[in-house]
Amino acid sequence: MSTHTLPAKAEVGRRVAFSHINDPKQTEGVITRVVGPNIRVRLDGQRSNLQIRADYEGIRVVVETTLTAAQNARDSAAATHARVDAMHTELKTLRSDVQRQQPDRTERDNTRLLAEFASLRAAVEGWRAEVASARAAAVPAPEPEPASTQPAQQADPENADFEQLLTLAAGIAYAEITCHRDHWDFLVAQSSSGQHFRLPGAVDEKDDGLITADVSGRTLIAVLDALWKTQQSATADPGTRHLAAIIYKRIGQALNAVASDATPTAGCTTRPDVTRIVIDDRPTAETG
């Protein structure tokens, strides 16, 4: 039997096709582990792994160009993320320099510094959009599922809740979000490519790593949409899904609190001063 065997370096994640020496039918799968000269392959549609030698003549590599493109996209995303971090540091340094300026600085100098600050902020937004695009390109598109022959199901309560949150977000002017800088970077990377996303004009960062930013209702729509898709994605890793789910939950709790606090009084409604979204489950420090 003539086949193309695996190259000398078998890699986890590489997609292969397997056929038994006495059965010409081929089944595709993914390498999940490499142990010495042996590899473990999870065949499509099966829950167990198959352990065989890497040089077995009934196994061959498939979809090599797709995997290479995905790896290149991941490498590009990592490099772009490093540039975003460097730009974030430069922005923070520039802001500190502006705050330390003497009161007698001329109006021209102030205008120049503010223009540079705005330019750097726009550059950061562009880098974050590139990161989001690169990450999306690194995830292979799922195969289309066959059309269901079952009768139409009733509306999913989770979908109804999602639609309700979009409506509530559209009805507020802005919300104040407080979270760690890493949560904020995740939120921006997930939603910056959305149609309605707008980067806040200012982000206040404290020494302990917490940031506070004012985001518009329109931006919340983009954030909710992106986080909803991520937590529902079958291709996202568990950590990404759980992170998206908890941020989505905190935003939903804040919006629902606004809806429940709106009490009609003489043709108008009373609402809280501002919608506050806090992503921090640390216990409150006790005061003596």
C-alpha atoms as a PDB file:
ATOM      1  CA  MET A   1       0.000   0.000   0.000  1.00  0.00           C
ATOM      2  CA  SER A   2       1.431   3.391  -0.995  1.00  0.00           C
ATOM      3  CA  THR A   3       0.801   6.339   1.411  1.00  0.00           C
ATOM      4  CA  HIS A   4       2.414   9.587   2.578  1.00  0.00           C
ATOM      5  CA  THR A   5       3.608   9.106   6.157  1.00  0.00           C
ATOM      6  CA  LEU A   6       4.036  11.819   8.805  1.00  0.00           C
ATOM      7  CA  PRO A   7       7.216  13.954   8.728  1.00  0.00           C
ATOM      8  CA  ALA A   8       9.949  13.172  11.276  1.00  0.00           C
ATOM      9  CA  LYS A   9       8.581  15.757  13.739  1.00  0.00           C
ATOM     10  CA  ALA A  10       5.047  14.858  14.816  1.00  0.00           C
ATOM     11  CA  GLU A  11       3.342  17.799  16.521  1.00  0.00           C
ATOM     12  CA  VAL A  12       0.369  18.074  18.890  1.00  0.00           C
ATOM     13  CA  GLY A  13      -2.555  19.707  17.092  1.00  0.00           C
ATOM     14  CA  ARG A  14      -1.570  18.408  13.643  1.00  0.00           C
ATOM     15  CA  ARG A  15      -4.497  16.933  11.727  1.00  0.00           C
ATOM     16  CA  VAL A  16      -3.948  13.480  10.199  1.00  0.00           C
ATOM     17  CA  ALA A  17      -5.860  10.815   8.307  1.00  0.00           C
ATOM     18  CA  PHE A  18      -5.693   7.199   9.513  1.00  0.00           C
ATOM     19  CA  SER A  19      -6.573   3.925   7.776  1.00  0.00           C
ATOM     20  CA  HIS A  20      -6.063   0.369   9.002  1.00  0.00           C
ATOM     21  CA  ILE A  21      -3.787  -1.774   6.884  1.00  0.00           C
ATOM     22  CA  ASN A  22      -6.685  -4.169   6.181  1.00  0.00           C
ATOM     23  CA  ASP A  23      -9.307  -1.411   5.738  1.00  0.00           C
ATOM     24  CA  PRO A  24      -8.740   1.247   3.031  1.00  0.00           C
ATOM     25  CA  LYS A  25     -11.378   3.575   4.551  1.00  0.00           C
ATOM     26  CA  GLN A  26      -9.725   6.680   6.032  1.00  0.00           C
ATOM     27  CA  THR A  27     -10.740   8.481   9.218  1.00  0.00           C
ATOM     28  CA  GLU A  28      -9.389  11.928  10.130  1.00  0.00           C
ATOM     29  CA  GLY A  29      -8.305  13.055  13.609  1.00  0.00           C
ATOM     30  CA  VAL A  30      -5.958  15.317  15.595  1.00  0.00           C
ATOM     31  CA  ILE A  31      -2.677  14.434  17.346  1.00  0.00           C
ATOM     32  CA  THR A  32      -3.206  14.991  21.079  1.00  0.00           C
ATOM     33  CA  ARG A  33       0.091  13.713  22.489  1.00  0.00           C
ATOM     34  CA  VAL A  34       3.566  12.640  21.344  1.00  0.00           C
ATOM     35  CA  VAL A  35       5.303   9.980  23.512  1.00  0.00           C
ATOM     36  CA  GLY A  36       8.675   8.866  22.111  1.00  0.00           C
ATOM     37  CA  PRO A  37       8.123   7.204  18.732  1.00  0.00           C
ATOM     38  CA  ASN A  38       4.387   6.903  19.401  1.00  0.00           C
ATOM     39  CA  ILE A  39       1.570   9.394  18.961  1.00  0.00           C
ATOM     40  CA  ARG A  40      -1.974   9.567  20.307  1.00  0.00           C
ATOM     41  CA  VAL A  41      -4.716  10.537  17.865  1.00  0.00           C
ATOM     42  CA  ARG A  42      -8.305  11.484  18.734  1.00  0.00           C
ATOM     43  CA  LEU A  43     -10.316  10.340  15.707  1.00  0.00           C
ATOM     44  CA  ASP A  44     -13.288  12.454  14.658  1.00  0.00           C
ATOM     45  CA  GLY A  45     -16.537  11.330  16.228  1.00  0.00           C
ATOM     46  CA  GLN A  46     -14.852   9.160  18.895  1.00  0.00           C
ATOM     47  CA  ARG A  47     -14.195   9.910  22.575  1.00  0.00           C
ATOM     48  CA  SER A  48     -11.107   7.672  23.027  1.00  0.00           C
ATOM     49  CA  ASN A  49      -7.547   8.201  21.769  1.00  0.00           C
ATOM     50  CA  LEU A  50      -5.737   5.869  19.379  1.00  0.00           C
ATOM     51  CA  GLN A  51      -2.030   5.214  20.106  1.00  0.00           C
ATOM     52  CA  ILE A  52       0.132   4.262  17.113  1.00  0.00           C
ATOM     53  CA  ARG A  53       3.687   4.715  15.894  1.00  0.00           C
ATOM     54  CA  ALA A  54       4.376   7.979  14.065  1.00  0.00           C
ATOM     55  CA  ASP A  55       5.850   6.090  11.085  1.00  0.00           C
ATOM     56  CA  TYR A  56       2.851   3.779  10.653  1.00  0.00           C
ATOM     57  CA  GLU A  57       2.188   3.559   6.917  1.00  0.00           C
ATOM     58  CA  GLY A  58      -1.562   3.970   7.268  1.00  0.00           C
ATOM     59  CA  ILE A  59      -1.385   7.548   8.600  1.00  0.00           C
ATOM     60  CA  ARG A  60      -0.717  10.737   6.674  1.00  0.00           C
ATOM     61  CA  VAL A  61      -0.776  14.507   7.240  1.00  0.00           C
ATOM     62  CA  VAL A  62      -3.747  16.580   6.049  1.00  0.00           C
ATOM     63  CA  VAL A  63      -4.693  20.285   6.067  1.00  0.00           C
ATOM     64  CA  GLU A  64      -1.039  21.300   6.617  1.00  0.00           C
ATOM     65  CA  THR A  65      -1.533  24.731   4.970  1.00  0.00           C
ATOM     66  CA  THR A  66      -4.475  25.528   7.258  1.00  0.00           C
ATOM     67  CA  LEU A  67      -2.450  24.738  10.390  1.00  0.00           C
ATOM     68  CA  THR A  68       0.503  26.785   9.135  1.00  0.00           C
ATOM     69  CA  ALA A  69      -1.751  29.780   8.466  1.00  0.00           C
ATOM     70  CA  ALA A  70      -3.298  29.462  11.928  1.00  0.00           C
ATOM     71  CA  GLN A  71       0.156  29.353  13.567  1.00  0.00           C
ATOM     72  CA  ASN A  72       1.258  32.425  11.600  1.00  0.00           C
ATOM     73  CA  ALA A  73      -1.896  34.235  12.713  1.00  0.00           C
ATOM     74  CA  ARG A  74      -1.219  33.347  16.365  1.00  0.00           C
ATOM     75  CA  ASP A  75       2.383  34.579  16.061  1.00  0.00           C
ATOM     76  CA  SER A  76       1.148  37.824  14.500  1.00  0.00           C
ATOM     77  CA  ALA A  77      -1.372  38.271  17.326  1.00  0.00           C
ATOM     78  CA  ALA A  78       1.361  37.801  19.945  1.00  0.00           C
ATOM     79  CA  ALA A  79       3.633  40.366  18.278  1.00  0.00           C
ATOM     80  CA  THR A  80       0.808  42.871  17.952  1.00  0.00           C
ATOM     81  CA  HIS A  81      -0.140  42.389  21.605  1.00  0.00           C
ATOM     82  CA  ALA A  82       3.460  43.190  22.591  1.00  0.00           C
ATOM     83  CA  ARG A  83       3.268  46.435  20.598  1.00  0.00           C
ATOM     84  CA  VAL A  84      -0.013  47.297  22.363  1.00  0.00           C
ATOM     85  CA  ASP A  85       1.656  46.861  25.764  1.00  0.00           C
ATOM     86  CA  ALA A  86       4.554  49.095  24.719  1.00  0.00           C
ATOM     87  CA  MET A  87       2.144  51.758  23.461  1.00  0.00           C
ATOM     88  CA  HIS A  88       0.131  51.534  26.708  1.00  0.00           C
ATOM     89  CA  THR A  89       3.321  52.211  28.707  1.00  0.00           C
ATOM     90  CA  GLU A  90       4.169  55.184  26.508  1.00  0.00           C
ATOM     91  CA  LEU A  91       0.662  56.581  26.964  1.00  0.00           C
ATOM     92  CA  LYS A  92       0.937  56.266  30.742  1.00  0.00           C
ATOM     93  CA  THR A  93       4.328  58.010  30.734  1.00  0.00           C
ATOM     94  CA  LEU A  94       3.040  60.848  28.557  1.00  0.00           C
ATOM     95  CA  ARG A  95       0.032  61.363  30.823  1.00  0.00           C
ATOM     96  CA  SER A  96       2.324  61.556  33.848  1.00  0.00           C
ATOM     97  CA  ASP A  97       4.525  64.106  32.064  1.00  0.00           C
ATOM     98  CA  VAL A  98       1.503  66.275  31.292  1.00  0.00           C
ATOM     99  CA  GLN A  99       0.354  66.167  34.914  1.00  0.00           C
ATOM    100  CA  ARG A 100       3.798  67.211  36.160  1.00  0.00           C
ATOM    101  CA  GLN A 101       4.024  70.296  33.936  1.00  0.00           C
ATOM    102  CA  GLN A 102       4.411  73.679  35.649  1.00  0.00           C
ATOM    103  CA  PRO A 103       1.383  76.052  35.690  1.00  0.00           C
ATOM    104  CA  ASP A 104       3.207  78.608  33.502  1.00  0.00           C
ATOM    105  CA  ARG A 105       3.444  76.237  30.480  1.00  0.00           C
ATOM    106  CA  THR A 106       2.367  78.032  27.340  1.00  0.00           C
ATOM    107  CA  GLU A 107      -0.905  77.282  25.600  1.00  0.00           C
ATOM    108  CA  ARG A 108       0.976  76.136  22.490  1.00  0.00           C
ATOM    109  CA  ASP A 109       2.904  73.491  24.450  1.00  0.00           C
ATOM    110  CA  ASN A 110      -0.288  72.247  26.092  1.00  0.00           C
ATOM    111  CA  THR A 111      -2.014  71.981  22.707  1.00  0.00           C
ATOM    112  CA  ARG A 112       0.920  70.036  21.245  1.00  0.00           C
ATOM    113  CA  LEU A 113       1.001  67.582  24.141  1.00  0.00           C
ATOM    114  CA  LEU A 114      -2.745  67.001  23.961  1.00  0.00           C
ATOM    115  CA  ALA A 115      -2.500  66.385  20.205  1.00  0.00           C
ATOM    116  CA  GLU A 116       0.271  63.824  20.767  1.00  0.00           C
ATOM    117  CA  PHE A 117      -1.791  62.171  23.467  1.00  0.00           C
ATOM    118  CA  ALA A 118      -4.819  61.891  21.139  1.00  0.00           C
ATOM    119  CA  SER A 119      -2.624  60.485  18.350  1.00  0.00           C
ATOM    120  CA  LEU A 120      -1.172  57.808  20.627  1.00  0.00           C
ATOM    121  CA  ARG A 121      -4.641  56.907  21.888  1.00  0.00           C
ATOM    122  CA  ALA A 122      -5.843  56.409  18.296  1.00  0.00           C
ATOM    123  CA  ALA A 123      -2.796  54.241  17.571  1.00  0.00           C
ATOM    124  CA  VAL A 124      -3.556  52.023  20.581  1.00  0.00           C
ATOM    125  CA  GLU A 125      -7.120  51.526  19.392  1.00  0.00           C
ATOM    126  CA  GLY A 126      -5.789  50.479  15.986  1.00  0.00           C
ATOM    127  CA  TRP A 127      -3.347  47.969  17.530  1.00  0.00           C
ATOM    128  CA  ARG A 128      -6.089  46.457  19.682  1.00  0.00           C
ATOM    129  CA  ALA A 129      -8.287  46.017  16.604  1.00  0.00           C
ATOM    130  CA  GLU A 130      -5.386  44.209  14.866  1.00  0.00           C
ATOM    131  CA  VAL A 131      -4.994  41.891  17.864  1.00  0.00           C
ATOM    132  CA  ALA A 132      -8.697  41.009  17.769  1.00  0.00           C
ATOM    133  CA  SER A 133      -8.555  40.357  13.994  1.00  0.00           C
ATOM    134  CA  ALA A 134      -5.432  38.195  14.310  1.00  0.00           C
ATOM    135  CA  ARG A 135      -6.986  36.124  17.091  1.00  0.00           C
ATOM    136  CA  ALA A 136     -10.127  35.615  15.033  1.00  0.00           C
ATOM    137  CA  ALA A 137      -8.029  34.487  12.058  1.00  0.00           C
ATOM    138  CA  ALA A 138      -6.193  31.936  14.234  1.00  0.00           C
ATOM    139  CA  VAL A 139      -9.416  30.081  15.045  1.00  0.00           C
ATOM    140  CA  PRO A 140     -10.469  27.717  12.187  1.00  0.00           C
ATOM    141  CA  ALA A 141     -14.034  28.180  11.029  1.00  0.00           C
ATOM    142  CA  PRO A 142     -16.368  25.443  12.325  1.00  0.00           C
ATOM    143  CA  GLU A 143     -17.878  23.103   9.798  1.00  0.00           C
ATOM    144  CA  PRO A 144     -21.529  23.856   8.984  1.00  0.00           C
ATOM    145  CA  GLU A 145     -23.978  21.639  10.818  1.00  0.00           C
ATOM    146  CA  PRO A 146     -26.611  19.733   8.827  1.00  0.00           C
ATOM    147  CA  ALA A 147     -30.022  21.321   8.732  1.00  0.00           C
ATOM    148  CA  SER A 148     -32.213  20.099  11.575  1.00  0.00           C
ATOM    149  CA  THR A 149     -35.338  18.160  10.712  1.00  0.00           C
ATOM    150  CA  GLN A 150     -36.815  18.686  14.183  1.00  0.00           C
ATOM    151  CA  PRO A 151     -39.781  21.074  14.635  1.00  0.00           C
ATOM    152  CA  ALA A 152     -39.033  24.629  15.706  1.00  0.00           C
ATOM    153  CA  GLN A 153     -38.165  24.905  19.405  1.00  0.00           C
ATOM    154  CA  GLN A 154     -39.456  27.510  21.795  1.00  0.00           C
ATOM    155  CA  ALA A 155     -37.412  30.672  22.271  1.00  0.00           C
ATOM    156  CA  ASP A 156     -34.272  30.157  24.414  1.00  0.00           C
ATOM    157  CA  PRO A 157     -34.558  32.111  27.712  1.00  0.00           C
ATOM    158  CA  GLU A 158     -30.833  32.970  27.490  1.00  0.00           C
ATOM    159  CA  ASN A 159     -31.343  34.544  24.072  1.00  0.00           C
ATOM    160  CA  ALA A 160     -34.271  36.528  25.433  1.00  0.00           C
ATOM    161  CA  ASP A 161     -32.074  37.746  28.299  1.00  0.00           C
ATOM    162  CA  PHE A 162     -29.358  38.761  25.825  1.00  0.00           C
ATOM    163  CA  GLU A 163     -31.848  40.778  23.757  1.00  0.00           C
ATOM    164  CA  GLN A 164     -33.140  42.458  26.944  1.00  0.00           C
ATOM    165  CA  LEU A 165     -29.594  43.482  27.974  1.00  0.00           C
ATOM    166  CA  LEU A 166     -28.971  45.006  24.534  1.00  0.00           C
ATOM    167  CA  THR A 167     -32.141  47.053  24.962  1.00  0.00           C
ATOM    168  CA  LEU A 168     -31.086  48.242  28.423  1.00  0.00           C
ATOM    169  CA  ALA A 169     -27.576  49.152  27.210  1.00  0.00           C
ATOM    170  CA  ALA A 170     -29.023  51.179  24.351  1.00  0.00           C
ATOM    171  CA  GLY A 171     -31.055  53.226  26.829  1.00  0.00           C
ATOM    172  CA  ILE A 172     -28.232  54.498  29.079  1.00  0.00           C
ATOM    173  CA  ALA A 173     -25.870  57.392  28.417  1.00  0.00           C
ATOM    174  CA  TYR A 174     -22.803  55.812  29.977  1.00  0.00           C
ATOM    175  CA  ALA A 175     -21.634  53.385  32.657  1.00  0.00           C
ATOM    176  CA  GLU A 176     -18.624  53.414  34.954  1.00  0.00           C
ATOM    177  CA  ILE A 177     -16.629  50.176  34.855  1.00  0.00           C
ATOM    178  CA  THR A 178     -14.009  49.236  37.475  1.00  0.00           C
ATOM    179  CA  CYS A 179     -11.787  46.191  36.965  1.00  0.00           C
ATOM    180  CA  HIS A 180      -8.171  45.035  36.755  1.00  0.00           C
ATOM    181  CA  ARG A 181      -6.105  46.190  33.794  1.00  0.00           C
ATOM    182  CA  ASP A 182      -5.910  42.578  32.489  1.00  0.00           C
ATOM    183  CA  HIS A 183      -9.727  42.319  32.497  1.00  0.00           C
ATOM    184  CA  TRP A 184      -9.885  45.637  30.633  1.00  0.00           C
ATOM    185  CA  ASP A 185      -7.366  44.432  27.994  1.00  0.00           C
ATOM    186  CA  PHE A 186      -9.425  41.249  27.517  1.00  0.00           C
ATOM    187  CA  LEU A 187     -12.648  43.257  27.161  1.00  0.00           C
ATOM    188  CA  VAL A 188     -11.107  45.594  24.548  1.00  0.00           C
ATOM    189  CA  ALA A 189      -9.494  42.741  22.590  1.00  0.00           C
ATOM    190  CA  GLN A 190     -12.808  40.855  22.442  1.00  0.00           C
ATOM    191  CA  SER A 191     -15.018  43.778  21.384  1.00  0.00           C
ATOM    192  CA  SER A 192     -12.823  46.383  19.635  1.00  0.00           C
ATOM    193  CA  SER A 193     -13.664  45.011  16.186  1.00  0.00           C
ATOM    194  CA  GLY A 194     -17.408  45.483  16.814  1.00  0.00           C
ATOM    195  CA  GLN A 195     -19.359  48.070  14.842  1.00  0.00           C
ATOM    196  CA  HIS A 196     -20.472  50.004  17.927  1.00  0.00           C
ATOM    197  CA  PHE A 197     -17.268  49.897  20.005  1.00  0.00           C
ATOM    198  CA  ARG A 198     -15.688  53.238  20.935  1.00  0.00           C
ATOM    199  CA  LEU A 199     -12.544  53.510  23.099  1.00  0.00           C
ATOM    200  CA  PRO A 200     -13.148  55.754  26.163  1.00  0.00           C
ATOM    201  CA  GLY A 201     -11.516  59.172  26.135  1.00  0.00           C
ATOM    202  CA  ALA A 202      -9.730  58.498  29.433  1.00  0.00           C
ATOM    203  CA  VAL A 203      -8.878  55.454  31.540  1.00  0.00           C
ATOM    204  CA  ASP A 204      -7.793  56.084  35.148  1.00  0.00           C
ATOM    205  CA  GLU A 205      -5.323  53.506  36.467  1.00  0.00           C
ATOM    206  CA  LYS A 206      -4.409  53.092  40.149  1.00  0.00           C
ATOM    207  CA  ASP A 207      -1.193  51.736  41.634  1.00  0.00           C
ATOM    208  CA  ASP A 208      -2.851  48.398  42.526  1.00  0.00           C
ATOM    209  CA  GLY A 209      -3.620  47.674  38.848  1.00  0.00           C
ATOM    210  CA  LEU A 210      -7.327  48.595  38.971  1.00  0.00           C
ATOM    211  CA  ILE A 211      -8.674  50.866  36.251  1.00  0.00           C
ATOM    212  CA  THR A 212     -11.837  52.951  36.022  1.00  0.00           C
ATOM    213  CA  ALA A 213     -13.348  54.015  32.705  1.00  0.00           C
ATOM    214  CA  ASP A 214     -16.602  55.556  31.494  1.00  0.00           C
ATOM    215  CA  VAL A 215     -18.074  53.583  28.572  1.00  0.00           C
ATOM    216  CA  SER A 216     -21.073  54.651  26.544  1.00  0.00           C
ATOM    217  CA  GLY A 217     -24.235  52.622  26.163  1.00  0.00           C
ATOM    218  CA  ARG A 218     -23.318  52.077  22.518  1.00  0.00           C
ATOM    219  CA  THR A 219     -19.948  50.614  23.528  1.00  0.00           C
ATOM    220  CA  LEU A 220     -21.703  48.323  26.029  1.00  0.00           C
ATOM    221  CA  ILE A 221     -23.752  46.934  23.135  1.00  0.00           C
ATOM    222  CA  ALA A 222     -20.526  45.954  21.330  1.00  0.00           C
ATOM    223  CA  VAL A 223     -19.080  44.465  24.536  1.00  0.00           C
ATOM    224  CA  LEU A 224     -22.201  42.417  25.318  1.00  0.00           C
ATOM    225  CA  ASP A 225     -22.387  41.113  21.750  1.00  0.00           C
ATOM    226  CA  ALA A 226     -18.713  40.047  21.711  1.00  0.00           C
ATOM    227  CA  LEU A 227     -18.789  38.418  25.166  1.00  0.00           C
ATOM    228  CA  TRP A 228     -22.025  36.581  24.357  1.00  0.00           C
ATOM    229  CA  LYS A 229     -20.481  35.054  21.231  1.00  0.00           C
ATOM    230  CA  THR A 230     -17.275  34.104  23.059  1.00  0.00           C
ATOM    231  CA  GLN A 231     -18.988  32.293  25.931  1.00  0.00           C
ATOM    232  CA  GLN A 232     -21.169  30.403  23.439  1.00  0.00           C
ATOM    233  CA  SER A 233     -18.218  29.446  21.176  1.00  0.00           C
ATOM    234  CA  ALA A 234     -17.315  25.751  21.091  1.00  0.00           C
ATOM    235  CA  THR A 235     -13.790  26.556  19.816  1.00  0.00           C
ATOM    236  CA  ALA A 236     -12.828  28.954  22.651  1.00  0.00           C
ATOM    237  CA  ASP A 237     -10.750  27.498  25.467  1.00  0.00           C
ATOM    238  CA  PRO A 238     -12.451  27.093  28.900  1.00  0.00           C
ATOM    239  CA  GLY A 239     -10.553  29.981  30.515  1.00  0.00           C
ATOM    240  CA  THR A 240     -11.631  32.393  27.781  1.00  0.00           C
ATOM    241  CA  ARG A 241     -15.273  31.282  28.007  1.00  0.00           C
ATOM    242  CA  HIS A 242     -15.389  31.645  31.804  1.00  0.00           C
ATOM    243  CA  LEU A 243     -13.717  35.070  31.693  1.00  0.00           C
ATOM    244  CA  ALA A 244     -16.197  36.264  29.073  1.00  0.00           C
ATOM    245  CA  ALA A 245     -19.100  34.826  31.084  1.00  0.00           C
ATOM    246  CA  ILE A 246     -18.214  36.571  34.370  1.00  0.00           C
ATOM    247  CA  ILE A 247     -17.715  39.993  32.727  1.00  0.00           C
ATOM    248  CA  TYR A 248     -20.989  39.517  30.806  1.00  0.00           C
ATOM    249  CA  LYS A 249     -22.739  38.600  34.088  1.00  0.00           C
ATOM    250  CA  ARG A 250     -21.438  41.688  35.921  1.00  0.00           C
ATOM    251  CA  ILE A 251     -22.594  43.989  33.113  1.00  0.00           C
ATOM    252  CA  GLY A 252     -26.009  42.298  33.097  1.00  0.00           C
ATOM    253  CA  GLN A 253     -26.401  42.685  36.864  1.00  0.00           C
ATOM    254  CA  ALA A 254     -25.621  46.417  36.658  1.00  0.00           C
ATOM    255  CA  LEU A 255     -28.056  46.990  33.768  1.00  0.00           C
ATOM    256  CA  ASN A 256     -30.845  45.004  35.449  1.00  0.00           C
ATOM    257  CA  ALA A 257     -30.302  47.033  38.630  1.00  0.00           C
ATOM    258  CA  VAL A 258     -30.888  50.212  36.632  1.00  0.00           C
ATOM    259  CA  ALA A 259     -34.104  48.757  35.170  1.00  0.00           C
ATOM    260  CA  SER A 260     -35.421  47.750  38.602  1.00  0.00           C
ATOM    261  CA  ASP A 261     -34.553  51.133  40.163  1.00  0.00           C
ATOM    262  CA  ALA A 262     -36.441  53.139  37.540  1.00  0.00           C
ATOM    263  CA  THR A 263     -39.582  54.212  39.445  1.00  0.00           C
ATOM    264  CA  PRO A 264     -42.198  56.349  37.566  1.00  0.00           C
ATOM    265  CA  THR A 265     -42.999  59.573  39.405  1.00  0.00           C
ATOM    266  CA  ALA A 266     -45.223  62.268  37.890  1.00  0.00           C
ATOM    267  CA  GLY A 267     -44.314  61.562  34.295  1.00  0.00           C
ATOM    268  CA  CYS A 268     -40.593  60.954  34.899  1.00  0.00           C
ATOM    269  CA  THR A 269     -38.329  58.287  36.381  1.00  0.00           C
ATOM    270  CA  THR A 270     -35.711  58.304  39.105  1.00  0.00           C
ATOM    271  CA  ARG A 271     -32.471  56.459  38.419  1.00  0.00           C
ATOM    272  CA  PRO A 272     -29.070  56.056  40.121  1.00  0.00           C
ATOM    273  CA  ASP A 273     -26.504  58.783  39.481  1.00  0.00           C
ATOM    274  CA  VAL A 274     -24.456  56.406  37.312  1.00  0.00           C
ATOM    275  CA  THR A 275     -24.525  52.759  36.298  1.00  0.00           C
ATOM    276  CA  ARG A 276     -21.542  51.099  38.002  1.00  0.00           C
ATOM    277  CA  ILE A 277     -20.032  47.825  36.781  1.00  0.00           C
ATOM    278  CA  VAL A 278     -17.501  46.283  39.186  1.00  0.00           C
ATOM    279  CA  ILE A 279     -15.477  43.177  38.312  1.00  0.00           C
ATOM    280  CA  ASP A 280     -13.773  42.424  41.611  1.00  0.00           C
ATOM    281  CA  ASP A 281     -14.955  39.671  43.977  1.00  0.00           C
ATOM    282  CA  ARG A 282     -12.373  40.425  46.674  1.00  0.00           C
ATOM    283  CA  PRO A 283     -13.910  40.809  50.165  1.00  0.00           C
ATOM    284  CA  THR A 284     -14.310  44.369  51.431  1.00  0.00           C
ATOM    285  CA  ALA A 285     -11.523  45.368  53.816  1.00  0.00           C
ATOM    286  CA  GLU A 286     -12.716  45.539  57.421  1.00  0.00           C
ATOM    287  CA  THR A 287     -12.332  48.898  59.142  1.00  0.00           C
ATOM    288  CA  GLY A 288     -11.308  49.081  62.811  1.00  0.00           C
END
